[in-house]
C-alpha atoms as a PDB file:
ATOM      1  CA  MET A   1       7.238  -7.338 -13.247  1.00  0.00           C
ATOM      2  CA  LYS A   2       4.385  -6.993 -10.846  1.00  0.00           C
ATOM      3  CA  GLY A   3       2.511  -3.837 -10.004  1.00  0.00           C
ATOM      4  CA  TYR A   4       1.738  -2.705  -6.480  1.00  0.00           C
ATOM      5  CA  TRP A   5      -0.339  -0.291  -4.535  1.00  0.00           C
ATOM      6  CA  ILE A   6       1.050   0.808  -1.188  1.00  0.00           C
ATOM      7  CA  VAL A   7      -1.691   2.445   0.867  1.00  0.00           C
ATOM      8  CA  LEU A   8      -0.855   4.388   4.018  1.00  0.00           C
ATOM      9  CA  GLY A   9      -3.959   5.023   6.057  1.00  0.00           C
ATOM     10  CA  SER A  10      -4.972   6.691   9.282  1.00  0.00           C
ATOM     11  CA  ASP A  11      -7.249   5.023  11.803  1.00  0.00           C
ATOM     12  CA  ILE A  12     -10.659   4.183  10.363  1.00  0.00           C
ATOM     13  CA  THR A  13     -13.127   6.831  11.516  1.00  0.00           C
ATOM     14  CA  GLU A  14     -16.184   5.590   9.586  1.00  0.00           C
ATOM     15  CA  PRO A  15     -16.470   1.800   9.864  1.00  0.00           C
ATOM     16  CA  ASP A  16     -19.648   1.673   7.750  1.00  0.00           C
ATOM     17  CA  SER A  17     -17.854   3.348   4.839  1.00  0.00           C
ATOM     18  CA  GLN A  18     -14.921   0.953   5.242  1.00  0.00           C
ATOM     19  CA  ALA A  19     -17.313  -2.002   5.177  1.00  0.00           C
ATOM     20  CA  GLN A  20     -18.974  -0.706   2.005  1.00  0.00           C
ATOM     21  CA  TYR A  21     -15.542  -0.248   0.415  1.00  0.00           C
ATOM     22  CA  GLY A  22     -14.723  -3.873   1.243  1.00  0.00           C
ATOM     23  CA  LYS A  23     -17.916  -5.088  -0.419  1.00  0.00           C
ATOM     24  CA  LEU A  24     -17.259  -3.070  -3.560  1.00  0.00           C
ATOM     25  CA  TRP A  25     -13.538  -3.942  -3.602  1.00  0.00           C
ATOM     26  CA  ALA A  26     -13.981  -7.737  -3.661  1.00  0.00           C
ATOM     27  CA  PRO A  27     -15.207  -8.079  -7.285  1.00  0.00           C
ATOM     28  CA  ILE A  28     -12.779  -5.391  -8.472  1.00  0.00           C
ATOM     29  CA  ALA A  29      -9.863  -7.254  -6.900  1.00  0.00           C
ATOM     30  CA  GLU A  30     -10.992 -10.435  -8.623  1.00  0.00           C
ATOM     31  CA  LYS A  31     -11.269  -8.673 -11.987  1.00  0.00           C
ATOM     32  CA  TYR A  32      -7.692  -7.348 -11.763  1.00  0.00           C
ATOM     33  CA  GLU A  33      -6.214 -10.407 -10.011  1.00  0.00           C
ATOM     34  CA  ALA A  34      -5.222  -8.230  -7.056  1.00  0.00           C
ATOM     35  CA  ARG A  35      -4.179  -9.813  -3.801  1.00  0.00           C
ATOM     36  CA  LEU A  36      -3.600  -8.220  -0.443  1.00  0.00           C
ATOM     37  CA  ARG A  37      -0.127  -8.911   0.908  1.00  0.00           C
ATOM     38  CA  SER A  38       0.143  -8.967   4.672  1.00  0.00           C
ATOM     39  CA  VAL A  39       2.638  -6.557   6.186  1.00  0.00           C
ATOM     40  CA  ASP A  40       3.286  -5.358   9.686  1.00  0.00           C
ATOM     41  CA  VAL A  41       5.225  -2.140   9.234  1.00  0.00           C
ATOM     42  CA  ALA A  42       3.088   0.396  11.074  1.00  0.00           C
ATOM     43  CA  THR A  43       5.676   0.603  13.837  1.00  0.00           C
ATOM     44  CA  ILE A  44       8.365   1.783  11.386  1.00  0.00           C
ATOM     45  CA  LEU A  45       6.558   4.754   9.865  1.00  0.00           C
ATOM     46  CA  PRO A  46       8.247   7.610  11.757  1.00  0.00           C
ATOM     47  CA  GLU A  47       7.667  10.167   8.980  1.00  0.00           C
ATOM     48  CA  ALA A  48       4.266   9.043   7.720  1.00  0.00           C
ATOM     49  CA  GLY A  49       2.222  11.622   9.606  1.00  0.00           C
ATOM     50  CA  SER A  50      -1.066  10.123  10.721  1.00  0.00           C
ATOM     51  CA  ALA A  51      -0.531   6.757   9.018  1.00  0.00           C
ATOM     52  CA  LYS A  52      -1.418   3.886  11.312  1.00  0.00           C
ATOM     53  CA  ARG A  53      -2.104   1.220   8.690  1.00  0.00           C
ATOM     54  CA  VAL A  54      -0.178  -0.046   5.675  1.00  0.00           C
ATOM     55  CA  SER A  55      -1.749  -2.137   2.934  1.00  0.00           C
ATOM     56  CA  VAL A  56       0.170  -3.708   0.074  1.00  0.00           C
ATOM     57  CA  VAL A  57      -1.909  -4.793  -2.905  1.00  0.00           C
ATOM     58  CA  GLU A  58      -0.143  -6.913  -5.520  1.00  0.00           C
ATOM     59  CA  PHE A  59      -1.192  -7.068  -9.187  1.00  0.00           C
ATOM     60  CA  PRO A  60       0.199  -9.279 -11.965  1.00  0.00           C
ATOM     61  CA  SER A  61       1.523  -6.152 -13.736  1.00  0.00           C
ATOM     62  CA  LEU A  62       1.873  -2.393 -13.434  1.00  0.00           C
ATOM     63  CA  GLN A  63      -0.652  -2.034 -16.254  1.00  0.00           C
ATOM     64  CA  GLN A  64      -3.271  -3.900 -14.216  1.00  0.00           C
ATOM     65  CA  ALA A  65      -2.498  -1.822 -11.119  1.00  0.00           C
ATOM     66  CA  LYS A  66      -3.027   1.392 -13.085  1.00  0.00           C
ATOM     67  CA  ALA A  67      -6.108   0.085 -14.907  1.00  0.00           C
ATOM     68  CA  CYS A  68      -7.696  -0.934 -11.631  1.00  0.00           C
ATOM     69  CA  TYR A  69      -7.167   2.522 -10.142  1.00  0.00           C
ATOM     70  CA  THR A  70      -8.791   4.231 -13.138  1.00  0.00           C
ATOM     71  CA  ASP A  71     -11.681   1.753 -13.466  1.00  0.00           C
ATOM     72  CA  PRO A  72     -15.048   3.514 -12.961  1.00  0.00           C
ATOM     73  CA  LEU A  73     -16.062   0.770 -10.522  1.00  0.00           C
ATOM     74  CA  TYR A  74     -13.012   1.516  -8.402  1.00  0.00           C
ATOM     75  CA  GLU A  75     -13.742   5.235  -8.595  1.00  0.00           C
ATOM     76  CA  GLU A  76     -17.049   4.521  -6.850  1.00  0.00           C
ATOM     77  CA  ALA A  77     -15.439   2.241  -4.254  1.00  0.00           C
ATOM     78  CA  LYS A  78     -12.635   4.738  -3.598  1.00  0.00           C
ATOM     79  CA  GLN A  79     -15.148   7.340  -2.429  1.00  0.00           C
ATOM     80  CA  TYR A  80     -16.052   5.055   0.491  1.00  0.00           C
ATOM     81  CA  ALA A  81     -12.388   4.424   1.312  1.00  0.00           C
ATOM     82  CA  LEU A  82     -11.743   8.168   1.426  1.00  0.00           C
ATOM     83  CA  LYS A  83     -14.704   8.659   3.781  1.00  0.00           C
ATOM     84  CA  ALA A  84     -13.487   5.864   6.048  1.00  0.00           C
ATOM     85  CA  SER A  85      -9.999   7.276   6.677  1.00  0.00           C
ATOM     86  CA  ASN A  86      -7.282   9.596   5.442  1.00  0.00           C
ATOM     87  CA  ARG A  87      -4.910   7.785   3.137  1.00  0.00           C
ATOM     88  CA  ALA A  88      -2.187   8.088   0.538  1.00  0.00           C
ATOM     89  CA  LEU A  89      -1.718   5.605  -2.296  1.00  0.00           C
ATOM     90  CA  LEU A  90       1.452   4.893  -4.265  1.00  0.00           C
ATOM     91  CA  ILE A  91       1.454   2.792  -7.462  1.00  0.00           C
ATOM     92  CA  PHE A  92       4.747   1.266  -8.612  1.00  0.00           C
ATOM     93  CA  GLU A  93       6.337  -1.605 -10.498  1.00  0.00           C
ATOM     94  CA  GLY A  94       8.750  -4.071  -8.962  1.00  0.00           C
ATOM     95  CA  GLU A  95       9.142  -7.280  -7.027  1.00  0.00           C
ATOM     96  CA  ILE A  96       8.456  -7.558  -3.313  1.00  0.00           C
ATOM     97  CA  PRO A  97       9.803 -10.771  -1.793  1.00  0.00           C
END
């Protein structure tokens, strides 16, 4: 089964930090074979607090999803993401059609 990250994020308040995150994320995503799945569910988040954005990141396996999150390179990139906006991240295993 595949592994996923679901990221619920607020509006981006620091675009420069978000841009730096994107630059650092690209090689990490390649390393872990992660791909961003497009979703448009922001309008159905009635209990998600300040969440305005939803990102779904698909990995070949749960093990790769977890390994990516704990990779020291991602730890550095994550600091920029956390500066750019408030967010919550969920890691799980399954199949999303």
